[in-house]
């Protein structure tokens, strides 16, 4: 079992970059595309940084961060957007958790 968190993907408004952990290159192209869109749209809407992270039990968590001096970061919008993502992407997140638990934790 993994001891630490494993980043699936992340995006940053500050660097205008998206990152997909190379351990997940075997994911279907459509899933990778959906993750990229999800993360980049989040940072465009809210600002800051978003990371989709698996914990040691295989749960997929949404982690966000923002620079302290970032006055454009929308903290309230961030919380609302996370709720929206969890609701709209519930099935995707469940499938990703199953994938992670099957191929990484077993």
N, C-alpha and C. Protein backbone atom coordinates (compact mmCIF):
# COMPACT_ATOMS: atom_id res chain seq x y z
N UNK A 1 0.83 -1.18 0.00
CA UNK A 1 0.00 0.00 0.00
C UNK A 1 0.88 1.25 0.00
N UNK A 2 0.41 2.28 -0.67
CA UNK A 2 1.14 3.54 -0.71
C UNK A 2 1.07 4.23 0.64
N UNK A 3 2.17 4.84 1.04
CA UNK A 3 2.23 5.54 2.32
C UNK A 3 1.79 6.99 2.17
N UNK A 4 2.02 7.55 1.03
CA UNK A 4 1.74 8.97 0.81
C UNK A 4 0.67 9.14 -0.25
N UNK A 5 0.34 10.38 -0.48
CA UNK A 5 -0.61 10.70 -1.53
C UNK A 5 0.08 10.62 -2.89
N UNK A 6 -0.69 10.25 -3.89
CA UNK A 6 -0.20 10.16 -5.27
C UNK A 6 -1.01 11.14 -6.11
N UNK A 7 -0.32 12.06 -6.75
CA UNK A 7 -1.00 13.04 -7.60
C UNK A 7 -1.38 12.37 -8.92
N UNK A 8 -2.65 12.46 -9.25
CA UNK A 8 -3.13 11.99 -10.55
C UNK A 8 -2.84 13.06 -11.60
N UNK A 9 -3.29 14.28 -11.34
CA UNK A 9 -3.07 15.38 -12.27
C UNK A 9 -3.22 16.70 -11.53
N UNK A 10 -2.74 17.76 -12.18
CA UNK A 10 -2.86 19.09 -11.58
C UNK A 10 -2.80 20.14 -12.68
N UNK A 11 -3.26 21.34 -12.32
CA UNK A 11 -3.17 22.48 -13.22
C UNK A 11 -2.94 23.73 -12.38
N UNK A 12 -2.25 24.69 -12.98
CA UNK A 12 -1.93 25.92 -12.28
C UNK A 12 -2.28 27.13 -13.14
N UNK A 13 -3.00 28.05 -12.56
CA UNK A 13 -3.30 29.32 -13.23
C UNK A 13 -2.02 30.15 -13.36
N UNK A 14 -1.12 30.00 -12.39
CA UNK A 14 0.09 30.82 -12.35
C UNK A 14 1.07 30.46 -13.47
N UNK A 15 1.26 29.17 -13.70
CA UNK A 15 2.21 28.74 -14.73
C UNK A 15 1.53 28.43 -16.06
N UNK A 16 0.18 28.42 -16.04
CA UNK A 16 -0.60 28.08 -17.24
C UNK A 16 -0.21 26.69 -17.76
N UNK A 17 0.01 25.74 -16.81
CA UNK A 17 0.42 24.39 -17.20
C UNK A 17 -0.48 23.35 -16.57
N UNK A 18 -0.54 22.21 -17.26
CA UNK A 18 -1.28 21.04 -16.80
C UNK A 18 -0.29 19.89 -16.67
N UNK A 19 -0.47 19.06 -15.64
CA UNK A 19 0.41 17.93 -15.41
C UNK A 19 -0.42 16.68 -15.21
N UNK A 20 -0.05 15.59 -15.90
CA UNK A 20 -0.64 14.28 -15.68
C UNK A 20 0.49 13.35 -15.26
N UNK A 21 0.35 12.72 -14.11
CA UNK A 21 1.36 11.79 -13.61
C UNK A 21 1.57 10.69 -14.65
N UNK A 22 2.81 10.46 -15.03
CA UNK A 22 3.12 9.48 -16.07
C UNK A 22 2.73 8.06 -15.68
N UNK A 23 2.53 7.80 -14.39
CA UNK A 23 2.06 6.48 -13.95
C UNK A 23 0.65 6.18 -14.46
N UNK A 24 -0.05 7.22 -14.92
CA UNK A 24 -1.42 7.07 -15.38
C UNK A 24 -1.55 7.23 -16.90
N UNK A 25 -0.45 7.05 -17.61
CA UNK A 25 -0.47 7.15 -19.07
C UNK A 25 -1.36 6.10 -19.72
N UNK A 26 -1.62 5.00 -19.01
CA UNK A 26 -2.45 3.92 -19.56
C UNK A 26 -3.94 4.20 -19.48
N UNK A 27 -4.32 5.30 -18.87
CA UNK A 27 -5.74 5.66 -18.84
C UNK A 27 -6.22 5.90 -20.28
N UNK A 28 -7.49 5.62 -20.55
CA UNK A 28 -8.02 5.90 -21.89
C UNK A 28 -7.86 7.38 -22.25
N UNK A 29 -7.66 7.64 -23.52
CA UNK A 29 -7.45 9.00 -24.01
C UNK A 29 -8.59 9.92 -23.62
N UNK A 30 -9.82 9.44 -23.71
CA UNK A 30 -10.98 10.27 -23.36
C UNK A 30 -10.97 10.68 -21.89
N UNK A 31 -10.53 9.77 -21.02
CA UNK A 31 -10.44 10.08 -19.59
C UNK A 31 -9.37 11.13 -19.36
N UNK A 32 -8.22 10.95 -20.00
CA UNK A 32 -7.14 11.93 -19.85
C UNK A 32 -7.58 13.31 -20.36
N UNK A 33 -8.32 13.32 -21.46
CA UNK A 33 -8.82 14.58 -22.01
C UNK A 33 -9.80 15.23 -21.03
N UNK A 34 -10.69 14.43 -20.46
CA UNK A 34 -11.67 14.95 -19.51
C UNK A 34 -11.00 15.52 -18.26
N UNK A 35 -9.95 14.86 -17.78
CA UNK A 35 -9.21 15.36 -16.62
C UNK A 35 -8.53 16.69 -16.94
N UNK A 36 -7.96 16.77 -18.13
CA UNK A 36 -7.29 18.01 -18.54
C UNK A 36 -8.29 19.17 -18.60
N UNK A 37 -9.42 18.92 -19.21
CA UNK A 37 -10.45 19.96 -19.31
C UNK A 37 -10.94 20.37 -17.93
N UNK A 38 -11.23 19.39 -17.08
CA UNK A 38 -11.71 19.66 -15.73
C UNK A 38 -10.74 20.57 -14.98
N UNK A 39 -9.46 20.20 -14.98
CA UNK A 39 -8.47 20.96 -14.21
C UNK A 39 -8.22 22.35 -14.79
N UNK A 40 -8.10 22.45 -16.09
CA UNK A 40 -7.80 23.76 -16.67
C UNK A 40 -8.99 24.71 -16.57
N UNK A 41 -10.21 24.20 -16.74
CA UNK A 41 -11.38 25.06 -16.57
C UNK A 41 -11.51 25.53 -15.13
N UNK A 42 -11.18 24.65 -14.18
CA UNK A 42 -11.24 25.04 -12.77
C UNK A 42 -10.32 26.23 -12.51
N UNK A 43 -9.08 26.13 -12.98
CA UNK A 43 -8.13 27.22 -12.71
C UNK A 43 -8.49 28.49 -13.46
N UNK A 44 -9.12 28.36 -14.62
CA UNK A 44 -9.57 29.55 -15.34
C UNK A 44 -10.73 30.23 -14.61
N UNK A 45 -11.62 29.43 -14.05
CA UNK A 45 -12.79 29.98 -13.34
C UNK A 45 -12.43 30.56 -11.97
N UNK A 46 -11.62 29.82 -11.21
CA UNK A 46 -11.38 30.15 -9.81
C UNK A 46 -10.00 30.74 -9.57
N UNK A 47 -9.02 30.28 -10.35
CA UNK A 47 -7.64 30.69 -10.14
C UNK A 47 -6.90 29.65 -9.32
N UNK A 48 -5.68 29.96 -8.95
CA UNK A 48 -4.90 29.08 -8.09
C UNK A 48 -4.43 27.81 -8.76
N UNK A 49 -4.34 26.77 -7.94
CA UNK A 49 -3.83 25.46 -8.36
C UNK A 49 -4.84 24.40 -7.93
N UNK A 50 -5.06 23.43 -8.79
CA UNK A 50 -5.90 22.28 -8.44
C UNK A 50 -5.09 21.02 -8.64
N UNK A 51 -5.26 20.08 -7.71
CA UNK A 51 -4.63 18.77 -7.82
C UNK A 51 -5.67 17.70 -7.51
N UNK A 52 -5.70 16.66 -8.32
CA UNK A 52 -6.49 15.47 -8.01
C UNK A 52 -5.52 14.45 -7.45
N UNK A 53 -5.76 14.03 -6.21
CA UNK A 53 -4.79 13.26 -5.45
C UNK A 53 -5.44 12.01 -4.87
N UNK A 54 -4.78 10.87 -5.04
CA UNK A 54 -5.22 9.63 -4.40
C UNK A 54 -4.56 9.54 -3.03
N UNK A 55 -5.37 9.22 -2.00
CA UNK A 55 -4.77 8.99 -0.68
C UNK A 55 -4.34 7.53 -0.57
N UNK A 56 -3.80 7.14 0.56
CA UNK A 56 -3.26 5.79 0.73
C UNK A 56 -4.33 4.70 0.69
N UNK A 57 -5.59 5.09 0.82
CA UNK A 57 -6.70 4.12 0.76
C UNK A 57 -7.32 4.05 -0.64
N UNK A 58 -6.86 4.89 -1.55
CA UNK A 58 -7.37 4.88 -2.91
C UNK A 58 -8.50 5.85 -3.17
N UNK A 59 -8.79 6.73 -2.22
CA UNK A 59 -9.82 7.75 -2.42
C UNK A 59 -9.25 8.91 -3.22
N UNK A 60 -10.03 9.42 -4.15
CA UNK A 60 -9.60 10.54 -4.98
C UNK A 60 -10.08 11.84 -4.36
N UNK A 61 -9.14 12.70 -4.03
CA UNK A 61 -9.44 13.98 -3.38
C UNK A 61 -9.09 15.14 -4.28
N UNK A 62 -9.83 16.22 -4.12
CA UNK A 62 -9.53 17.47 -4.82
C UNK A 62 -8.83 18.39 -3.84
N UNK A 63 -7.62 18.80 -4.19
CA UNK A 63 -6.82 19.68 -3.34
C UNK A 63 -6.58 20.97 -4.11
N UNK A 64 -6.81 22.09 -3.46
CA UNK A 64 -6.57 23.38 -4.11
C UNK A 64 -5.63 24.22 -3.26
N UNK A 65 -4.98 25.16 -3.92
CA UNK A 65 -4.06 26.06 -3.24
C UNK A 65 -4.01 27.36 -4.03
N UNK A 66 -3.61 28.40 -3.35
CA UNK A 66 -3.46 29.70 -4.01
C UNK A 66 -2.34 30.46 -3.33
N UNK A 67 -1.67 31.28 -4.12
CA UNK A 67 -0.63 32.14 -3.56
C UNK A 67 -1.28 33.14 -2.62
N UNK A 68 -0.62 33.40 -1.52
CA UNK A 68 -1.17 34.31 -0.51
C UNK A 68 -1.47 35.69 -1.08
N UNK A 69 -0.64 36.13 -2.01
CA UNK A 69 -0.81 37.46 -2.59
C UNK A 69 -1.79 37.50 -3.77
N UNK A 70 -2.40 36.36 -4.09
CA UNK A 70 -3.32 36.28 -5.22
C UNK A 70 -4.69 36.85 -4.82
N UNK A 71 -4.92 38.11 -5.14
CA UNK A 71 -6.18 38.75 -4.76
C UNK A 71 -7.33 38.36 -5.69
N UNK A 72 -7.02 37.74 -6.81
CA UNK A 72 -8.06 37.33 -7.76
C UNK A 72 -8.61 35.93 -7.47
N UNK A 73 -7.94 35.18 -6.57
CA UNK A 73 -8.39 33.83 -6.24
C UNK A 73 -9.74 33.90 -5.54
N UNK A 74 -10.68 33.12 -6.03
CA UNK A 74 -12.05 33.13 -5.51
C UNK A 74 -12.25 31.95 -4.55
N UNK A 75 -12.07 32.20 -3.26
CA UNK A 75 -12.15 31.13 -2.27
C UNK A 75 -13.57 30.55 -2.16
N UNK A 76 -14.57 31.40 -2.19
CA UNK A 76 -15.95 30.93 -2.12
C UNK A 76 -16.31 30.17 -3.40
N UNK A 77 -15.93 30.73 -4.53
CA UNK A 77 -16.16 30.05 -5.81
C UNK A 77 -15.47 28.71 -5.87
N UNK A 78 -14.31 28.61 -5.23
CA UNK A 78 -13.56 27.37 -5.19
C UNK A 78 -14.38 26.27 -4.53
N UNK A 79 -14.92 26.57 -3.37
CA UNK A 79 -15.73 25.58 -2.66
C UNK A 79 -16.95 25.15 -3.45
N UNK A 80 -17.60 26.13 -4.08
CA UNK A 80 -18.78 25.82 -4.89
C UNK A 80 -18.41 24.99 -6.11
N UNK A 81 -17.29 25.32 -6.73
CA UNK A 81 -16.85 24.59 -7.93
C UNK A 81 -16.48 23.15 -7.59
N UNK A 82 -15.85 22.95 -6.42
CA UNK A 82 -15.50 21.59 -6.00
C UNK A 82 -16.76 20.76 -5.79
N UNK A 83 -17.77 21.34 -5.15
CA UNK A 83 -19.04 20.63 -4.97
C UNK A 83 -19.65 20.26 -6.32
N UNK A 84 -19.61 21.20 -7.25
CA UNK A 84 -20.15 20.95 -8.59
C UNK A 84 -19.39 19.83 -9.29
N UNK A 85 -18.07 19.86 -9.21
CA UNK A 85 -17.25 18.82 -9.84
C UNK A 85 -17.56 17.46 -9.23
N UNK A 86 -17.61 17.38 -7.90
CA UNK A 86 -17.90 16.11 -7.23
C UNK A 86 -19.26 15.54 -7.67
N UNK A 87 -20.22 16.41 -7.87
CA UNK A 87 -21.55 15.97 -8.27
C UNK A 87 -21.56 15.53 -9.74
N UNK A 88 -21.01 16.38 -10.61
CA UNK A 88 -21.06 16.11 -12.05
C UNK A 88 -20.11 15.00 -12.49
N UNK A 89 -19.01 14.83 -11.79
CA UNK A 89 -17.99 13.85 -12.18
C UNK A 89 -17.93 12.66 -11.23
N UNK A 90 -19.02 12.43 -10.50
CA UNK A 90 -19.05 11.36 -9.50
C UNK A 90 -18.68 10.01 -10.12
N UNK A 91 -19.29 9.69 -11.25
CA UNK A 91 -19.03 8.40 -11.90
C UNK A 91 -17.57 8.29 -12.35
N UNK A 92 -17.04 9.35 -12.92
CA UNK A 92 -15.64 9.36 -13.35
C UNK A 92 -14.72 9.13 -12.15
N UNK A 93 -14.97 9.84 -11.05
CA UNK A 93 -14.13 9.71 -9.86
C UNK A 93 -14.21 8.29 -9.30
N UNK A 94 -15.39 7.69 -9.29
CA UNK A 94 -15.54 6.32 -8.80
C UNK A 94 -14.76 5.34 -9.67
N UNK A 95 -14.80 5.55 -10.98
CA UNK A 95 -14.06 4.68 -11.90
C UNK A 95 -12.55 4.85 -11.72
N UNK A 96 -12.10 6.07 -11.51
CA UNK A 96 -10.68 6.32 -11.29
C UNK A 96 -10.22 5.70 -9.97
N UNK A 97 -11.05 5.77 -8.94
CA UNK A 97 -10.71 5.15 -7.66
C UNK A 97 -10.59 3.64 -7.82
N UNK A 98 -11.51 3.04 -8.55
CA UNK A 98 -11.47 1.60 -8.80
C UNK A 98 -10.21 1.23 -9.59
N UNK A 99 -9.89 2.01 -10.60
CA UNK A 99 -8.67 1.80 -11.39
C UNK A 99 -7.44 1.85 -10.49
N UNK A 100 -7.35 2.87 -9.65
CA UNK A 100 -6.20 3.04 -8.76
C UNK A 100 -6.11 1.88 -7.77
N UNK A 101 -7.23 1.51 -7.18
CA UNK A 101 -7.23 0.42 -6.20
C UNK A 101 -6.85 -0.90 -6.84
N UNK A 102 -7.26 -1.10 -8.09
CA UNK A 102 -6.98 -2.35 -8.79
C UNK A 102 -5.52 -2.45 -9.23
N UNK A 103 -5.00 -1.39 -9.82
CA UNK A 103 -3.67 -1.46 -10.42
C UNK A 103 -2.54 -0.95 -9.53
N UNK A 104 -2.85 -0.20 -8.50
CA UNK A 104 -1.79 0.37 -7.68
C UNK A 104 -1.78 -0.16 -6.25
N UNK A 105 -2.93 -0.55 -5.72
CA UNK A 105 -2.99 -0.97 -4.32
C UNK A 105 -3.03 -2.47 -4.14
N UNK A 106 -3.31 -3.22 -5.20
CA UNK A 106 -3.43 -4.68 -5.03
C UNK A 106 -2.12 -5.39 -5.31
